[in-house]
Protein backbone atom coordinates (compact mmCIF):
# COMPACT_ATOMS: atom_id res chain seq x y z
CA MET A 1 22.16 23.54 -28.24
CA ASP A 2 21.14 20.74 -30.55
CA ARG A 3 17.70 19.91 -31.83
CA LYS A 4 16.85 17.28 -29.16
CA GLU A 5 17.69 19.65 -26.31
CA ALA A 6 15.57 22.41 -27.83
CA HIS A 7 12.64 20.01 -28.21
CA LYS A 8 12.92 18.95 -24.55
CA ILE A 9 12.91 22.57 -23.39
CA LEU A 10 9.91 23.51 -25.53
CA THR A 11 7.83 20.47 -24.58
CA ALA A 12 8.71 20.78 -20.89
CA LYS A 13 7.29 24.31 -20.79
CA THR A 14 4.13 23.62 -22.76
CA LYS A 15 3.27 20.11 -21.55
CA LYS A 16 0.17 20.09 -19.37
CA PRO A 17 -0.70 17.39 -16.84
CA ARG A 18 -3.51 14.97 -17.71
CA PHE A 19 -5.66 16.39 -14.92
CA ASN A 20 -5.54 19.08 -12.26
CA VAL A 21 -3.62 18.14 -9.13
CA ALA A 22 -3.87 19.98 -5.84
CA PRO A 23 -0.65 21.45 -4.45
CA LYS A 24 1.46 19.08 -2.35
CA GLU A 25 0.63 20.96 0.86
CA GLN A 26 -3.11 20.38 0.34
CA ARG A 27 -2.75 16.61 -0.05
CA THR A 28 -0.32 15.79 2.77
CA ALA A 29 -1.30 14.11 6.05
CA ASP A 30 0.93 12.47 8.68
CA GLY A 31 3.93 13.31 6.49
CA ILE A 32 2.53 11.27 3.58
CA VAL A 33 1.96 13.01 0.24
CA PHE A 34 -1.10 11.48 -1.45
CA ASP A 35 -1.98 11.50 -5.15
CA SER A 36 -5.17 13.46 -4.47
CA ARG A 37 -7.12 15.21 -1.73
CA ARG A 38 -9.80 12.52 -2.04
CA GLU A 39 -7.21 9.85 -1.25
CA MET A 40 -5.89 11.87 1.69
CA ASN A 41 -9.43 12.31 3.07
CA ARG A 42 -10.05 8.56 2.82
CA TYR A 43 -6.79 7.96 4.72
CA LEU A 44 -7.95 10.30 7.48
CA GLU A 45 -11.30 8.44 7.64
CA LEU A 46 -9.43 5.13 7.96
CA LYS A 47 -7.27 6.58 10.77
CA ILE A 48 -10.46 7.48 12.68
CA LEU A 49 -11.75 3.92 12.21
CA GLU A 50 -8.39 2.60 13.40
CA ARG A 51 -8.53 4.75 16.55
CA ALA A 52 -12.07 3.47 17.17
CA GLY A 53 -10.76 -0.11 17.04
CA LEU A 54 -12.77 -1.15 13.97
CA ILE A 55 -9.75 -1.71 11.68
CA GLU A 56 -6.03 -2.39 12.16
CA ASP A 57 -2.72 -2.17 10.32
CA ILE A 58 -3.33 0.43 7.59
CA VAL A 59 -0.80 0.10 4.78
CA CYS A 60 -0.58 2.78 2.09
CA GLN A 61 0.44 2.03 -1.50
CA HIS A 62 0.71 -1.76 -1.14
CA VAL A 63 2.10 -3.40 -4.30
CA PHE A 64 0.64 -6.67 -5.59
CA VAL A 65 2.96 -8.44 -8.06
CA MET A 66 1.63 -10.96 -10.60
CA TYR A 67 3.72 -13.59 -12.42
CA ILE A 68 2.76 -15.87 -15.29
CA ASN A 69 5.04 -18.84 -16.01
CA GLY A 70 7.73 -17.31 -13.81
CA GLU A 71 7.71 -14.02 -15.74
CA LEU A 72 6.58 -10.71 -14.29
CA PHE A 73 3.18 -9.94 -15.83
CA CYS A 74 2.28 -6.70 -14.04
CA GLU A 75 2.11 -4.88 -10.73
CA TYR A 76 -0.97 -3.39 -9.12
CA THR A 77 -0.60 -0.74 -6.42
CA ALA A 78 -3.58 -0.41 -4.11
CA ASP A 79 -4.09 2.81 -2.21
CA PHE A 80 -4.91 1.11 1.11
CA LEU A 81 -4.68 -2.34 2.64
CA TYR A 82 -5.97 -2.93 6.17
CA PHE A 83 -7.40 -5.61 8.44
CA ASP A 84 -11.09 -5.40 9.32
CA VAL A 85 -11.45 -6.53 12.94
CA ASP A 86 -15.24 -7.15 12.74
CA LYS A 87 -15.10 -9.33 9.62
CA LYS A 88 -11.62 -10.71 10.42
CA CYS A 89 -10.29 -10.22 6.87
CA ASP A 90 -7.96 -8.05 4.78
CA ILE A 91 -9.58 -5.19 2.87
CA VAL A 92 -8.03 -3.66 -0.27
CA GLU A 93 -9.21 -0.19 -1.31
CA ASP A 94 -8.47 2.07 -4.22
CA VAL A 95 -9.65 5.69 -4.40
CA LYS A 96 -10.55 6.47 -8.00
CA SER A 97 -12.10 9.20 -10.08
CA SER A 98 -14.68 8.27 -12.70
CA GLY A 99 -12.12 8.85 -15.46
CA THR A 100 -9.42 6.66 -13.93
CA GLN A 101 -11.93 3.93 -13.20
CA LYS A 102 -12.62 3.62 -16.93
CA ASP A 103 -8.92 3.31 -17.86
CA ALA A 104 -8.37 -0.05 -19.59
CA ALA A 105 -4.84 -0.55 -18.23
CA TYR A 106 -6.03 0.09 -14.66
CA ARG A 107 -8.93 -2.36 -15.05
CA LEU A 108 -6.59 -5.05 -16.41
CA ARG A 109 -4.10 -4.66 -13.52
CA LYS A 110 -6.94 -4.65 -10.97
CA LYS A 111 -8.55 -7.78 -12.40
CA ALA A 112 -5.19 -9.57 -12.59
CA ALA A 113 -4.51 -8.75 -8.92
CA GLU A 114 -7.96 -9.94 -7.87
CA LEU A 115 -7.55 -13.26 -9.66
CA TYR A 116 -3.89 -13.89 -8.81
CA HIS A 117 -4.07 -12.93 -5.11
CA ASN A 118 -7.70 -13.95 -4.52
CA ILE A 119 -8.68 -10.49 -3.28
CA LYS A 120 -11.54 -8.10 -3.93
CA VAL A 121 -10.59 -4.46 -4.57
CA ILE A 122 -13.12 -1.96 -3.27
CA GLU A 123 -13.20 1.21 -5.34
CA ILE A 124 -13.96 4.40 -3.41
CA MET A 125 -15.49 7.07 -5.63
């Protein structure tokens, strides 16, 4: 075993995730594994609204791609995209914790998507 392999083994065992994540079983609904329980709960709320006929066409993890001068600038992945029947418009939602909401890279991607695609991202706390 060389030095690189030993380093990988040691760091793999001691590396901790950035934040606590619930087990996969506790954040799965309709066969979809969500990033958090909060996101899963929001999905279940949206499904209730869909059954009530208030919204349509829920899309999970929709990717918005932004180009500048023909070059890929960045991608923004929204948690939910759906059509609001009452207002007759597309709604883009992102479920965020207070820590993630402050992340500079996230804010840049979100702002770029809003400007490039002429959308408004609603953050669910």
